[in-house]
């Protein structure tokens, strides 16, 4: 079973697994994960920046996941 970081590193970023749900990540680049470097404390501004970065047309995230220390 993958942890969240391992899931990102091995599957979601598209460098190890070329397809997701049978769809090619080269063709459908929105299937690739987004990793955003940040320092300091998590803030609503940082969350909004990431939300905007991963929104594609009318497709936008409806959930965010973090660990218990955030």
C-alpha atoms as a PDB file:
ATOM      1  CA  UNK A   1       0.000   0.000   0.000  1.00  0.00           C
ATOM      2  CA  UNK A   2       1.283   3.444  -0.900  1.00  0.00           C
ATOM      3  CA  UNK A   3       1.526   6.357   1.528  1.00  0.00           C
ATOM      4  CA  UNK A   4       0.625   9.791   0.135  1.00  0.00           C
ATOM      5  CA  UNK A   5       4.254  10.778  -0.636  1.00  0.00           C
ATOM      6  CA  UNK A   6       5.012   7.388  -2.140  1.00  0.00           C
ATOM      7  CA  UNK A   7       1.804   7.565  -4.172  1.00  0.00           C
ATOM      8  CA  UNK A   8       2.901  10.914  -5.585  1.00  0.00           C
ATOM      9  CA  UNK A   9       6.501   9.846  -6.175  1.00  0.00           C
ATOM     10  CA  UNK A  10       5.634   6.554  -7.863  1.00  0.00           C
ATOM     11  CA  UNK A  11       2.314   7.036  -9.591  1.00  0.00           C
ATOM     12  CA  UNK A  12       0.735  10.459  -9.702  1.00  0.00           C
ATOM     13  CA  UNK A  13       3.566  12.547 -11.137  1.00  0.00           C
ATOM     14  CA  UNK A  14       3.555  10.574 -14.387  1.00  0.00           C
ATOM     15  CA  UNK A  15       7.269   9.731 -14.473  1.00  0.00           C
ATOM     16  CA  UNK A  16       6.794   6.074 -13.488  1.00  0.00           C
ATOM     17  CA  UNK A  17       3.312   5.248 -14.735  1.00  0.00           C
ATOM     18  CA  UNK A  18       2.501   6.662 -18.183  1.00  0.00           C
ATOM     19  CA  UNK A  19      -1.244   6.117 -17.943  1.00  0.00           C
ATOM     20  CA  UNK A  20      -3.929   6.731 -15.350  1.00  0.00           C
ATOM     21  CA  UNK A  21      -7.316   5.065 -15.724  1.00  0.00           C
ATOM     22  CA  UNK A  22      -6.286   3.975 -19.205  1.00  0.00           C
ATOM     23  CA  UNK A  23      -5.614   7.567 -20.306  1.00  0.00           C
ATOM     24  CA  UNK A  24      -2.168   8.660 -21.485  1.00  0.00           C
ATOM     25  CA  UNK A  25      -0.607  11.388 -19.316  1.00  0.00           C
ATOM     26  CA  UNK A  26       1.246  12.801 -22.331  1.00  0.00           C
ATOM     27  CA  UNK A  27      -2.072  13.426 -24.045  1.00  0.00           C
ATOM     28  CA  UNK A  28      -4.020  14.423 -20.922  1.00  0.00           C
ATOM     29  CA  UNK A  29      -1.470  16.358 -18.855  1.00  0.00           C
ATOM     30  CA  UNK A  30      -4.081  17.340 -16.274  1.00  0.00           C
ATOM     31  CA  UNK A  31      -3.827  13.747 -15.002  1.00  0.00           C
ATOM     32  CA  UNK A  32      -0.344  14.493 -13.641  1.00  0.00           C
ATOM     33  CA  UNK A  33       0.017  15.503 -10.016  1.00  0.00           C
ATOM     34  CA  UNK A  34       1.080  19.015  -9.068  1.00  0.00           C
ATOM     35  CA  UNK A  35       3.789  19.583  -6.501  1.00  0.00           C
ATOM     36  CA  UNK A  36       4.281  23.124  -5.243  1.00  0.00           C
ATOM     37  CA  UNK A  37       7.251  24.104  -3.113  1.00  0.00           C
ATOM     38  CA  UNK A  38       6.455  26.352  -0.183  1.00  0.00           C
ATOM     39  CA  UNK A  39       8.065  27.433   3.046  1.00  0.00           C
ATOM     40  CA  UNK A  40       6.661  28.691   6.305  1.00  0.00           C
ATOM     41  CA  UNK A  41       3.190  28.043   7.612  1.00  0.00           C
ATOM     42  CA  UNK A  42       0.264  26.932   5.523  1.00  0.00           C
ATOM     43  CA  UNK A  43      -2.101  29.814   4.802  1.00  0.00           C
ATOM     44  CA  UNK A  44      -5.309  30.348   2.903  1.00  0.00           C
ATOM     45  CA  UNK A  45      -3.351  32.400   0.339  1.00  0.00           C
ATOM     46  CA  UNK A  46      -1.009  29.447  -0.332  1.00  0.00           C
ATOM     47  CA  UNK A  47      -3.960  27.091  -0.595  1.00  0.00           C
ATOM     48  CA  UNK A  48      -5.682  29.436  -3.053  1.00  0.00           C
ATOM     49  CA  UNK A  49      -2.511  29.678  -5.165  1.00  0.00           C
ATOM     50  CA  UNK A  50      -2.289  25.889  -5.406  1.00  0.00           C
ATOM     51  CA  UNK A  51      -6.026  25.564  -6.090  1.00  0.00           C
ATOM     52  CA  UNK A  52      -5.726  28.039  -8.962  1.00  0.00           C
ATOM     53  CA  UNK A  53      -2.642  26.234 -10.317  1.00  0.00           C
ATOM     54  CA  UNK A  54      -4.426  22.899 -10.576  1.00  0.00           C
ATOM     55  CA  UNK A  55      -7.740  24.178 -11.922  1.00  0.00           C
ATOM     56  CA  UNK A  56      -8.262  23.423 -15.602  1.00  0.00           C
ATOM     57  CA  UNK A  57     -11.263  25.150 -17.153  1.00  0.00           C
ATOM     58  CA  UNK A  58     -14.303  24.102 -15.154  1.00  0.00           C
ATOM     59  CA  UNK A  59     -12.398  21.198 -13.542  1.00  0.00           C
ATOM     60  CA  UNK A  60     -11.242  22.139 -10.045  1.00  0.00           C
ATOM     61  CA  UNK A  61     -10.387  20.224  -6.888  1.00  0.00           C
ATOM     62  CA  UNK A  62     -13.161  19.740  -4.379  1.00  0.00           C
ATOM     63  CA  UNK A  63     -11.020  18.337  -1.555  1.00  0.00           C
ATOM     64  CA  UNK A  64      -7.584  18.954  -0.088  1.00  0.00           C
ATOM     65  CA  UNK A  65      -5.621  16.415   1.945  1.00  0.00           C
ATOM     66  CA  UNK A  66      -2.939  17.064   4.541  1.00  0.00           C
ATOM     67  CA  UNK A  67      -1.479  15.399   7.595  1.00  0.00           C
ATOM     68  CA  UNK A  68      -2.543  16.056  11.185  1.00  0.00           C
ATOM     69  CA  UNK A  69       0.247  18.569  11.895  1.00  0.00           C
ATOM     70  CA  UNK A  70      -1.117  21.188   9.493  1.00  0.00           C
END
